[in-house]
PDB file of N, CA and C in Angstrom:
ATOM      1  N   MET A   1     -44.026 178.680  13.365  1.00  0.00           N
ATOM      2  CA  MET A   1     -45.268 178.907  13.156  1.00  0.00           C
ATOM      3  C   MET A   1     -46.203 178.624  13.633  1.00  0.00           C
ATOM      4  N   VAL A   2     -47.083 179.054  14.291  1.00  0.00           N
ATOM      5  CA  VAL A   2     -48.339 178.472  15.072  1.00  0.00           C
ATOM      6  C   VAL A   2     -49.562 178.151  13.935  1.00  0.00           C
ATOM      7  N   THR A   3     -49.868 177.262  13.642  1.00  0.00           N
ATOM      8  CA  THR A   3     -50.780 176.778  12.733  1.00  0.00           C
ATOM      9  C   THR A   3     -52.067 175.933  13.267  1.00  0.00           C
ATOM     10  N   ASP A   4     -52.763 175.457  12.470  1.00  0.00           N
ATOM     11  CA  ASP A   4     -54.137 174.565  12.877  1.00  0.00           C
ATOM     12  C   ASP A   4     -54.799 175.376  14.055  1.00  0.00           C
ATOM     13  N   GLY A   5     -55.152 176.476  13.772  1.00  0.00           N
ATOM     14  CA  GLY A   5     -56.505 176.561  14.382  1.00  0.00           C
ATOM     15  C   GLY A   5     -55.841 177.339  16.034  1.00  0.00           C
ATOM     16  N   ALA A   6     -54.304 177.089  16.253  1.00  0.00           N
ATOM     17  CA  ALA A   6     -53.561 177.494  17.681  1.00  0.00           C
ATOM     18  C   ALA A   6     -53.983 178.859  17.648  1.00  0.00           C
ATOM     19  N   LYS A   7     -54.254 179.393  19.155  1.00  0.00           N
ATOM     20  CA  LYS A   7     -54.090 180.683  19.005  1.00  0.00           C
ATOM     21  C   LYS A   7     -52.836 180.914  19.363  1.00  0.00           C
ATOM     22  N   GLN A   8     -52.384 182.016  18.478  1.00  0.00           N
ATOM     23  CA  GLN A   8     -50.977 182.940  18.497  1.00  0.00           C
ATOM     24  C   GLN A   8     -50.823 183.433  19.753  1.00  0.00           C
ATOM     25  N   LEU A   9     -50.017 183.393  20.597  1.00  0.00           N
ATOM     26  CA  LEU A   9     -49.517 184.156  21.717  1.00  0.00           C
ATOM     27  C   LEU A   9     -48.750 185.063  21.978  1.00  0.00           C
ATOM     28  N   ARG A  10     -48.572 186.173  22.465  1.00  0.00           N
ATOM     29  CA  ARG A  10     -47.078 186.733  22.734  1.00  0.00           C
ATOM     30  C   ARG A  10     -46.189 186.322  23.574  1.00  0.00           C
ATOM     31  N   ALA A  11     -45.044 186.786  23.228  1.00  0.00           N
ATOM     32  CA  ALA A  11     -44.113 186.346  24.464  1.00  0.00           C
ATOM     33  C   ALA A  11     -44.748 186.512  26.028  1.00  0.00           C
ATOM     34  N   LYS A  12     -45.157 187.560  26.178  1.00  0.00           N
ATOM     35  CA  LYS A  12     -45.753 188.228  27.375  1.00  0.00           C
ATOM     36  C   LYS A  12     -46.724 187.218  28.363  1.00  0.00           C
ATOM     37  N   ASP A  13     -47.833 186.861  26.940  1.00  0.00           N
ATOM     38  CA  ASP A  13     -48.579 186.034  27.281  1.00  0.00           C
ATOM     39  C   ASP A  13     -48.012 184.552  27.716  1.00  0.00           C
ATOM     40  N   ILE A  14     -47.280 184.280  27.242  1.00  0.00           N
ATOM     41  CA  ILE A  14     -46.909 182.856  27.423  1.00  0.00           C
ATOM     42  C   ILE A  14     -46.277 182.619  29.049  1.00  0.00           C
ATOM     43  N   LEU A  15     -45.410 183.789  29.254  1.00  0.00           N
ATOM     44  CA  LEU A  15     -44.656 184.211  30.555  1.00  0.00           C
ATOM     45  C   LEU A  15     -46.072 183.829  31.832  1.00  0.00           C
ATOM     46  N   THR A  16     -47.107 184.804  31.290  1.00  0.00           N
ATOM     47  CA  THR A  16     -47.934 185.276  32.221  1.00  0.00           C
ATOM     48  C   THR A  16     -49.238 183.748  32.687  1.00  0.00           C
ATOM     49  N   ASN A  17     -49.197 182.981  31.014  1.00  0.00           N
ATOM     50  CA  ASN A  17     -50.008 181.858  31.295  1.00  0.00           C
ATOM     51  C   ASN A  17     -48.926 180.721  32.186  1.00  0.00           C
ATOM     52  N   ALA A  18     -47.420 180.783  31.701  1.00  0.00           N
ATOM     53  CA  ALA A  18     -46.809 179.966  32.600  1.00  0.00           C
ATOM     54  C   ALA A  18     -47.059 180.404  33.853  1.00  0.00           C
ATOM     55  N   ALA A  19     -47.137 181.361  34.381  1.00  0.00           N
ATOM     56  CA  ALA A  19     -47.128 181.723  35.790  1.00  0.00           C
ATOM     57  C   ALA A  19     -48.768 181.466  36.618  1.00  0.00           C
ATOM     58  N   ASP A  20     -49.400 181.286  35.764  1.00  0.00           N
ATOM     59  CA  ASP A  20     -50.685 181.034  36.321  1.00  0.00           C
ATOM     60  C   ASP A  20     -50.896 179.499  36.207  1.00  0.00           C
ATOM     61  N   THR A  21     -50.236 178.741  35.489  1.00  0.00           N
ATOM     62  CA  THR A  21     -50.157 177.460  35.166  1.00  0.00           C
ATOM     63  C   THR A  21     -49.447 176.614  36.185  1.00  0.00           C
ATOM     64  N   ILE A  22     -48.198 177.561  36.610  1.00  0.00           N
ATOM     65  CA  ILE A  22     -47.360 176.979  38.018  1.00  0.00           C
ATOM     66  C   ILE A  22     -48.385 177.034  39.389  1.00  0.00           C
ATOM     67  N   ALA A  23     -49.120 178.283  39.127  1.00  0.00           N
ATOM     68  CA  ALA A  23     -49.696 178.301  40.406  1.00  0.00           C
ATOM     69  C   ALA A  23     -51.011 177.131  40.814  1.00  0.00           C
ATOM     70  N   GLU A  24     -51.648 177.299  39.589  1.00  0.00           N
ATOM     71  CA  GLU A  24     -53.060 176.501  39.292  1.00  0.00           C
ATOM     72  C   GLU A  24     -52.396 174.507  39.367  1.00  0.00           C
ATOM     73  N   ARG A  25     -51.362 174.254  38.995  1.00  0.00           N
ATOM     74  CA  ARG A  25     -51.312 172.794  39.190  1.00  0.00           C
ATOM     75  C   ARG A  25     -50.104 172.729  40.339  1.00  0.00           C
ATOM     76  N   SER A  26     -49.934 173.562  40.987  1.00  0.00           N
ATOM     77  CA  SER A  26     -49.781 173.183  42.320  1.00  0.00           C
ATOM     78  C   SER A  26     -50.812 173.194  43.473  1.00  0.00           C
ATOM     79  N   THR A  27     -51.878 173.756  42.985  1.00  0.00           N
ATOM     80  CA  THR A  27     -53.166 173.116  43.979  1.00  0.00           C
ATOM     81  C   THR A  27     -53.832 171.939  43.609  1.00  0.00           C
ATOM     82  N   THR A  28     -53.303 171.422  42.483  1.00  0.00           N
ATOM     83  CA  THR A  28     -53.968 170.219  41.846  1.00  0.00           C
ATOM     84  C   THR A  28     -53.355 169.152  41.966  1.00  0.00           C
ATOM     85  N   HIS A  29     -51.631 169.453  41.617  1.00  0.00           N
ATOM     86  CA  HIS A  29     -50.459 168.144  41.537  1.00  0.00           C
ATOM     87  C   HIS A  29     -49.725 168.343  43.028  1.00  0.00           C
ATOM     88  N   GLY A  30     -50.186 169.438  43.443  1.00  0.00           N
ATOM     89  CA  GLY A  30     -49.097 169.282  45.076  1.00  0.00           C
ATOM     90  C   GLY A  30     -47.917 170.665  44.645  1.00  0.00           C
ATOM     91  N   HIS A  31     -47.363 171.038  45.497  1.00  0.00           N
ATOM     92  CA  HIS A  31     -45.903 172.024  45.209  1.00  0.00           C
ATOM     93  C   HIS A  31     -45.089 171.439  44.574  1.00  0.00           C
ATOM     94  N   TYR A  32     -44.794 172.076  43.477  1.00  0.00           N
ATOM     95  CA  TYR A  32     -43.605 171.737  42.630  1.00  0.00           C
ATOM     96  C   TYR A  32     -42.296 171.551  43.350  1.00  0.00           C
ATOM     97  N   ASP A  33     -41.992 172.151  44.341  1.00  0.00           N
ATOM     98  CA  ASP A  33     -40.820 171.913  45.106  1.00  0.00           C
ATOM     99  C   ASP A  33     -40.765 170.467  45.372  1.00  0.00           C
ATOM    100  N   LEU A  34     -42.097 170.042  46.281  1.00  0.00           N
ATOM    101  CA  LEU A  34     -41.921 168.824  46.656  1.00  0.00           C
ATOM    102  C   LEU A  34     -42.269 167.491  45.730  1.00  0.00           C
ATOM    103  N   THR A  35     -43.054 168.016  44.432  1.00  0.00           N
ATOM    104  CA  THR A  35     -43.030 167.027  43.519  1.00  0.00           C
ATOM    105  C   THR A  35     -41.656 166.578  42.675  1.00  0.00           C
ATOM    106  N   MET A  36     -41.385 167.927  42.472  1.00  0.00           N
ATOM    107  CA  MET A  36     -39.794 167.926  41.936  1.00  0.00           C
ATOM    108  C   MET A  36     -38.643 166.678  43.061  1.00  0.00           C
ATOM    109  N   LEU A  37     -38.681 167.276  44.042  1.00  0.00           N
ATOM    110  CA  LEU A  37     -37.799 166.690  44.941  1.00  0.00           C
ATOM    111  C   LEU A  37     -38.111 165.212  44.842  1.00  0.00           C
ATOM    112  N   ARG A  38     -39.479 164.896  45.133  1.00  0.00           N
ATOM    113  CA  ARG A  38     -39.825 163.162  45.129  1.00  0.00           C
ATOM    114  C   ARG A  38     -39.312 162.466  44.041  1.00  0.00           C
ATOM    115  N   THR A  39     -39.426 163.329  42.818  1.00  0.00           N
ATOM    116  CA  THR A  39     -39.587 162.847  41.617  1.00  0.00           C
ATOM    117  C   THR A  39     -37.719 162.618  41.350  1.00  0.00           C
ATOM    118  N   SER A  40     -36.973 163.437  41.727  1.00  0.00           N
ATOM    119  CA  SER A  40     -35.688 163.046  41.868  1.00  0.00           C
ATOM    120  C   SER A  40     -35.005 161.968  42.441  1.00  0.00           C
ATOM    121  N   LYS A  41     -35.936 161.878  43.711  1.00  0.00           N
ATOM    122  CA  LYS A  41     -35.562 160.545  44.454  1.00  0.00           C
ATOM    123  C   LYS A  41     -35.897 159.373  43.886  1.00  0.00           C
ATOM    124  N   LEU A  42     -37.029 159.168  43.191  1.00  0.00           N
ATOM    125  CA  LEU A  42     -37.437 158.513  42.360  1.00  0.00           C
ATOM    126  C   LEU A  42     -36.544 158.138  41.448  1.00  0.00           C
ATOM    127  N   TRP A  43     -35.975 158.990  40.860  1.00  0.00           N
ATOM    128  CA  TRP A  43     -35.260 158.810  39.765  1.00  0.00           C
ATOM    129  C   TRP A  43     -33.968 158.263  40.230  1.00  0.00           C
ATOM    130  N   SER A  44     -33.339 158.684  40.757  1.00  0.00           N
ATOM    131  CA  SER A  44     -32.208 158.478  41.552  1.00  0.00           C
ATOM    132  C   SER A  44     -32.535 157.357  41.788  1.00  0.00           C
ATOM    133  N   ASP A  45     -33.092 156.598  42.357  1.00  0.00           N
ATOM    134  CA  ASP A  45     -33.173 155.005  43.016  1.00  0.00           C
ATOM    135  C   ASP A  45     -33.151 154.264  41.401  1.00  0.00           C
ATOM    136  N   TYR A  46     -33.712 154.320  40.396  1.00  0.00           N
ATOM    137  CA  TYR A  46     -34.037 153.889  39.348  1.00  0.00           C
ATOM    138  C   TYR A  46     -33.119 153.860  38.389  1.00  0.00           C
ATOM    139  N   LEU A  47     -32.426 155.023  38.546  1.00  0.00           N
ATOM    140  CA  LEU A  47     -30.986 154.841  37.854  1.00  0.00           C
ATOM    141  C   LEU A  47     -29.395 154.596  38.331  1.00  0.00           C
ATOM    142  N   GLU A  48     -30.190 154.849  39.491  1.00  0.00           N
ATOM    143  CA  GLU A  48     -28.553 154.232  40.593  1.00  0.00           C
ATOM    144  C   GLU A  48     -27.835 155.215  40.466  1.00  0.00           C
ATOM    145  N   ARG A  49     -28.213 156.845  40.444  1.00  0.00           N
ATOM    146  CA  ARG A  49     -27.080 158.128  40.482  1.00  0.00           C
ATOM    147  C   ARG A  49     -27.969 158.977  41.116  1.00  0.00           C
ATOM    148  N   GLU A  50     -27.277 160.016  41.392  1.00  0.00           N
ATOM    149  CA  GLU A  50     -28.211 161.023  42.120  1.00  0.00           C
ATOM    150  C   GLU A  50     -28.792 162.045  41.181  1.00  0.00           C
ATOM    151  N   ILE A  51     -29.584 162.567  41.146  1.00  0.00           N
ATOM    152  CA  ILE A  51     -30.742 163.166  40.506  1.00  0.00           C
ATOM    153  C   ILE A  51     -31.094 164.051  41.204  1.00  0.00           C
ATOM    154  N   GLU A  52     -30.756 165.435  41.127  1.00  0.00           N
ATOM    155  CA  GLU A  52     -31.217 166.841  41.725  1.00  0.00           C
ATOM    156  C   GLU A  52     -32.712 167.207  41.144  1.00  0.00           C
ATOM    157  N   PRO A  53     -33.440 167.663  42.448  1.00  0.00           N
ATOM    158  CA  PRO A  53     -34.653 168.220  41.659  1.00  0.00           C
ATOM    159  C   PRO A  53     -34.804 169.263  40.666  1.00  0.00           C
ATOM    160  N   MET A  54     -33.649 170.078  40.438  1.00  0.00           N
ATOM    161  CA  MET A  54     -33.250 171.077  39.402  1.00  0.00           C
ATOM    162  C   MET A  54     -33.091 169.943  37.814  1.00  0.00           C
ATOM    163  N   ASP A  55     -32.795 169.125  37.849  1.00  0.00           N
ATOM    164  CA  ASP A  55     -32.433 168.389  37.090  1.00  0.00           C
ATOM    165  C   ASP A  55     -34.014 167.945  36.415  1.00  0.00           C
ATOM    166  N   VAL A  56     -34.660 167.316  37.306  1.00  0.00           N
ATOM    167  CA  VAL A  56     -36.009 166.665  36.961  1.00  0.00           C
ATOM    168  C   VAL A  56     -36.565 167.959  36.288  1.00  0.00           C
ATOM    169  N   ALA A  57     -36.918 168.933  36.864  1.00  0.00           N
ATOM    170  CA  ALA A  57     -37.421 170.389  36.287  1.00  0.00           C
ATOM    171  C   ALA A  57     -36.807 170.201  34.646  1.00  0.00           C
ATOM    172  N   ILE A  58     -35.581 170.390  34.463  1.00  0.00           N
ATOM    173  CA  ILE A  58     -34.786 170.870  33.405  1.00  0.00           C
ATOM    174  C   ILE A  58     -35.402 169.647  32.126  1.00  0.00           C
ATOM    175  N   CYS A  59     -35.212 168.301  32.856  1.00  0.00           N
ATOM    176  CA  CYS A  59     -35.746 167.250  32.018  1.00  0.00           C
ATOM    177  C   CYS A  59     -37.144 167.377  31.353  1.00  0.00           C
ATOM    178  N   MET A  60     -38.106 167.615  32.271  1.00  0.00           N
ATOM    179  CA  MET A  60     -39.295 167.674  31.716  1.00  0.00           C
ATOM    180  C   MET A  60     -39.405 169.094  30.689  1.00  0.00           C
ATOM    181  N   ALA A  61     -38.860 170.101  31.046  1.00  0.00           N
ATOM    182  CA  ALA A  61     -38.499 171.002  29.942  1.00  0.00           C
ATOM    183  C   ALA A  61     -38.304 170.469  28.513  1.00  0.00           C
ATOM    184  N   LEU A  62     -37.109 169.779  28.729  1.00  0.00           N
ATOM    185  CA  LEU A  62     -36.322 168.959  27.520  1.00  0.00           C
ATOM    186  C   LEU A  62     -37.616 167.853  26.944  1.00  0.00           C
ATOM    187  N   VAL A  63     -38.356 167.390  27.528  1.00  0.00           N
ATOM    188  CA  VAL A  63     -39.597 166.656  27.064  1.00  0.00           C
ATOM    189  C   VAL A  63     -40.498 167.385  26.094  1.00  0.00           C
ATOM    190  N   LYS A  64     -40.445 168.718  26.726  1.00  0.00           N
ATOM    191  CA  LYS A  64     -41.558 169.641  26.035  1.00  0.00           C
ATOM    192  C   LYS A  64     -40.623 170.105  24.712  1.00  0.00           C
ATOM    193  N   LEU A  65     -39.173 170.091  24.995  1.00  0.00           N
ATOM    194  CA  LEU A  65     -38.757 170.374  23.560  1.00  0.00           C
ATOM    195  C   LEU A  65     -39.046 169.825  22.554  1.00  0.00           C
ATOM    196  N   ALA A  66     -38.772 168.339  23.019  1.00  0.00           N
ATOM    197  CA  ALA A  66     -39.253 167.292  21.846  1.00  0.00           C
ATOM    198  C   ALA A  66     -40.762 167.568  21.325  1.00  0.00           C
ATOM    199  N   ARG A  67     -41.438 167.771  22.249  1.00  0.00           N
ATOM    200  CA  ARG A  67     -42.882 167.871  21.560  1.00  0.00           C
ATOM    201  C   ARG A  67     -42.763 168.992  20.706  1.00  0.00           C
ATOM    202  N   VAL A  68     -42.620 169.836  20.871  1.00  0.00           N
ATOM    203  CA  VAL A  68     -42.382 170.858  19.728  1.00  0.00           C
ATOM    204  C   VAL A  68     -41.336 170.927  18.745  1.00  0.00           C
ATOM    205  N   MET A  69     -40.470 170.014  18.862  1.00  0.00           N
ATOM    206  CA  MET A  69     -39.521 169.525  17.535  1.00  0.00           C
ATOM    207  C   MET A  69     -40.521 168.549  17.021  1.00  0.00           C
ATOM    208  N   GLU A  70     -41.460 167.659  17.506  1.00  0.00           N
ATOM    209  CA  GLU A  70     -42.123 166.809  16.761  1.00  0.00           C
ATOM    210  C   GLU A  70     -43.355 167.447  16.331  1.00  0.00           C
ATOM    211  N   ALA A  71     -44.114 168.682  16.750  1.00  0.00           N
ATOM    212  CA  ALA A  71     -45.312 168.975  16.644  1.00  0.00           C
ATOM    213  C   ALA A  71     -45.372 170.354  15.753  1.00  0.00           C
ATOM    214  N   ARG A  72     -44.266 170.589  15.456  1.00  0.00           N
ATOM    215  CA  ARG A  72     -43.581 171.707  14.569  1.00  0.00           C
ATOM    216  C   ARG A  72     -44.011 172.973  15.546  1.00  0.00           C
ATOM    217  N   GLY A  73     -44.074 172.852  16.484  1.00  0.00           N
ATOM    218  CA  GLY A  73     -44.898 174.391  17.248  1.00  0.00           C
ATOM    219  C   GLY A  73     -46.522 174.547  17.374  1.00  0.00           C
ATOM    220  N   HIS A  74     -47.094 173.178  16.720  1.00  0.00           N
ATOM    221  CA  HIS A  74     -48.588 173.643  16.822  1.00  0.00           C
ATOM    222  C   HIS A  74     -49.072 173.640  18.116  1.00  0.00           C
ATOM    223  N   HIS A  75     -48.743 173.702  19.289  1.00  0.00           N
ATOM    224  CA  HIS A  75     -49.348 173.640  20.480  1.00  0.00           C
ATOM    225  C   HIS A  75     -48.799 174.376  21.204  1.00  0.00           C
ATOM    226  N   ASN A  76     -49.426 175.686  21.837  1.00  0.00           N
ATOM    227  CA  ASN A  76     -48.755 176.543  22.569  1.00  0.00           C
ATOM    228  C   ASN A  76     -48.734 175.864  24.350  1.00  0.00           C
ATOM    229  N   ASP A  77     -49.129 174.869  24.496  1.00  0.00           N
ATOM    230  CA  ASP A  77     -49.080 174.123  25.675  1.00  0.00           C
ATOM    231  C   ASP A  77     -47.694 173.643  25.942  1.00  0.00           C
ATOM    232  N   ASN A  78     -46.865 173.187  24.370  1.00  0.00           N
ATOM    233  CA  ASN A  78     -45.722 173.048  24.957  1.00  0.00           C
ATOM    234  C   ASN A  78     -44.756 174.216  25.286  1.00  0.00           C
ATOM    235  N   PHE A  79     -44.965 174.891  24.447  1.00  0.00           N
ATOM    236  CA  PHE A  79     -44.060 176.314  25.066  1.00  0.00           C
ATOM    237  C   PHE A  79     -44.077 176.937  26.273  1.00  0.00           C
ATOM    238  N   LEU A  80     -45.711 176.870  26.591  1.00  0.00           N
ATOM    239  CA  LEU A  80     -45.989 177.452  27.899  1.00  0.00           C
ATOM    240  C   LEU A  80     -45.400 176.049  29.093  1.00  0.00           C
ATOM    241  N   ASP A  81     -45.602 175.017  29.087  1.00  0.00           N
ATOM    242  CA  ASP A  81     -45.263 174.382  29.694  1.00  0.00           C
ATOM    243  C   ASP A  81     -43.540 174.069  30.347  1.00  0.00           C
ATOM    244  N   ALA A  82     -42.786 174.403  29.006  1.00  0.00           N
ATOM    245  CA  ALA A  82     -41.344 174.389  28.676  1.00  0.00           C
ATOM    246  C   ALA A  82     -40.652 175.675  29.662  1.00  0.00           C
ATOM    247  N   VAL A  83     -41.602 177.125  29.344  1.00  0.00           N
ATOM    248  CA  VAL A  83     -41.279 178.168  29.972  1.00  0.00           C
ATOM    249  C   VAL A  83     -41.426 178.020  31.835  1.00  0.00           C
ATOM    250  N   ALA A  84     -42.578 177.198  32.298  1.00  0.00           N
ATOM    251  CA  ALA A  84     -43.012 176.851  33.212  1.00  0.00           C
ATOM    252  C   ALA A  84     -42.017 176.019  34.145  1.00  0.00           C
ATOM    253  N   TYR A  85     -41.456 175.096  33.491  1.00  0.00           N
ATOM    254  CA  TYR A  85     -40.537 174.029  34.083  1.00  0.00           C
ATOM    255  C   TYR A  85     -39.311 174.776  33.756  1.00  0.00           C
ATOM    256  N   PHE A  86     -38.517 175.445  33.142  1.00  0.00           N
ATOM    257  CA  PHE A  86     -37.224 176.196  32.888  1.00  0.00           C
ATOM    258  C   PHE A  86     -37.276 177.522  34.674  1.00  0.00           C
ATOM    259  N   ALA A  87     -38.464 177.982  34.564  1.00  0.00           N
ATOM    260  CA  ALA A  87     -38.670 178.774  35.533  1.00  0.00           C
ATOM    261  C   ALA A  87     -38.471 178.071  37.026  1.00  0.00           C
ATOM    262  N   ILE A  88     -39.075 177.014  37.013  1.00  0.00           N
ATOM    263  CA  ILE A  88     -39.148 175.884  38.425  1.00  0.00           C
ATOM    264  C   ILE A  88     -37.548 175.499  38.540  1.00  0.00           C
ATOM    265  N   ALA A  89     -36.897 175.463  37.442  1.00  0.00           N
ATOM    266  CA  ALA A  89     -35.866 174.452  37.211  1.00  0.00           C
ATOM    267  C   ALA A  89     -34.606 176.068  38.317  1.00  0.00           C
ATOM    268  N   GLY A  90     -34.996 177.223  37.614  1.00  0.00           N
ATOM    269  CA  GLY A  90     -34.396 178.389  38.091  1.00  0.00           C
ATOM    270  C   GLY A  90     -34.355 178.581  39.761  1.00  0.00           C
ATOM    271  N   GLU A  91     -35.513 178.242  40.152  1.00  0.00           N
ATOM    272  CA  GLU A  91     -35.995 178.759  41.443  1.00  0.00           C
ATOM    273  C   GLU A  91     -35.074 177.459  42.143  1.00  0.00           C
ATOM    274  N   LEU A  92     -35.615 176.139  41.677  1.00  0.00           N
ATOM    275  CA  LEU A  92     -34.916 175.055  42.512  1.00  0.00           C
ATOM    276  C   LEU A  92     -33.179 175.060  42.558  1.00  0.00           C
ATOM    277  N   ALA A  93     -32.528 175.878  41.543  1.00  0.00           N
ATOM    278  CA  ALA A  93     -31.257 175.912  41.629  1.00  0.00           C
ATOM    279  C   ALA A  93     -30.671 176.249  42.396  1.00  0.00           C
ATOM    280  N   VAL A  94     -31.255 177.467  43.190  1.00  0.00           N
ATOM    281  CA  VAL A  94     -30.838 177.768  44.459  1.00  0.00           C
ATOM    282  C   VAL A  94     -31.474 177.395  45.709  1.00  0.00           C
ATOM    283  N   LYS A  95     -32.358 176.804  45.537  1.00  0.00           N
ATOM    284  CA  LYS A  95     -33.295 176.283  46.791  1.00  0.00           C
ATOM    285  C   LYS A  95     -32.368 175.579  48.331  1.00  0.00           C
ATOM    286  N   ASP A  96     -32.947 176.148  49.547  1.00  0.00           N
ATOM    287  CA  ASP A  96     -32.360 175.312  50.501  1.00  0.00           C
ATOM    288  C   ASP A  96     -33.324 174.085  51.183  1.00  0.00           C
ATOM    289  N   TRP A  97     -32.735 172.990  50.408  1.00  0.00           N
ATOM    290  CA  TRP A  97     -33.169 171.977  50.377  1.00  0.00           C
ATOM    291  C   TRP A  97     -33.851 171.578  52.265  1.00  0.00           C
ATOM    292  N   HIS A  98     -32.715 171.746  53.048  1.00  0.00           N
ATOM    293  CA  HIS A  98     -32.532 171.507  54.826  1.00  0.00           C
ATOM    294  C   HIS A  98     -33.499 172.559  55.164  1.00  0.00           C
ATOM    295  N   ASP A  99     -34.495 173.446  54.447  1.00  0.00           N
ATOM    296  CA  ASP A  99     -35.495 174.211  55.234  1.00  0.00           C
ATOM    297  C   ASP A  99     -36.704 173.633  54.290  1.00  0.00           C
ATOM    298  N   LEU A 100     -37.188 172.360  54.778  1.00  0.00           N
ATOM    299  CA  LEU A 100     -38.378 171.914  54.009  1.00  0.00           C
ATOM    300  C   LEU A 100     -39.572 172.462  54.841  1.00  0.00           C
ATOM    301  N   ASP A 101     -39.594 173.377  56.175  1.00  0.00           N
ATOM    302  CA  ASP A 101     -40.496 173.667  56.674  1.00  0.00           C
ATOM    303  C   ASP A 101     -41.367 174.684  56.067  1.00  0.00           C
ATOM    304  N   ALA A 102     -40.633 175.399  54.826  1.00  0.00           N
ATOM    305  CA  ALA A 102     -41.332 176.671  54.041  1.00  0.00           C
ATOM    306  C   ALA A 102     -42.241 176.093  53.313  1.00  0.00           C
ATOM    307  N   PHE A 103     -42.901 174.649  53.143  1.00  0.00           N
ATOM    308  CA  PHE A 103     -43.680 174.428  52.449  1.00  0.00           C
ATOM    309  C   PHE A 103     -45.030 174.801  53.134  1.00  0.00           C
TER     310      PHE A 103
END
């Protein structure tokens, strides 16, 4: 249940807002494909095992899930961000990383 003055959103609103957030953040933070690829390489080096870009997006969604669990759902942005990360993960799961000219 959303409380503490947080705006209640419908599922459709969350999906629409997540799509808008993905587009907006790509302009401010760089394209998510490259960001997830770079992050996967950094995590792979640090953890000394292969991490795929899709794994990065899923792990970021899990961070948002942890925040939902801690905040008991009080912040809509956690749901919105989790949906966005899962959508990105779905796209990255079938991405041809050999075609980086697509950026």
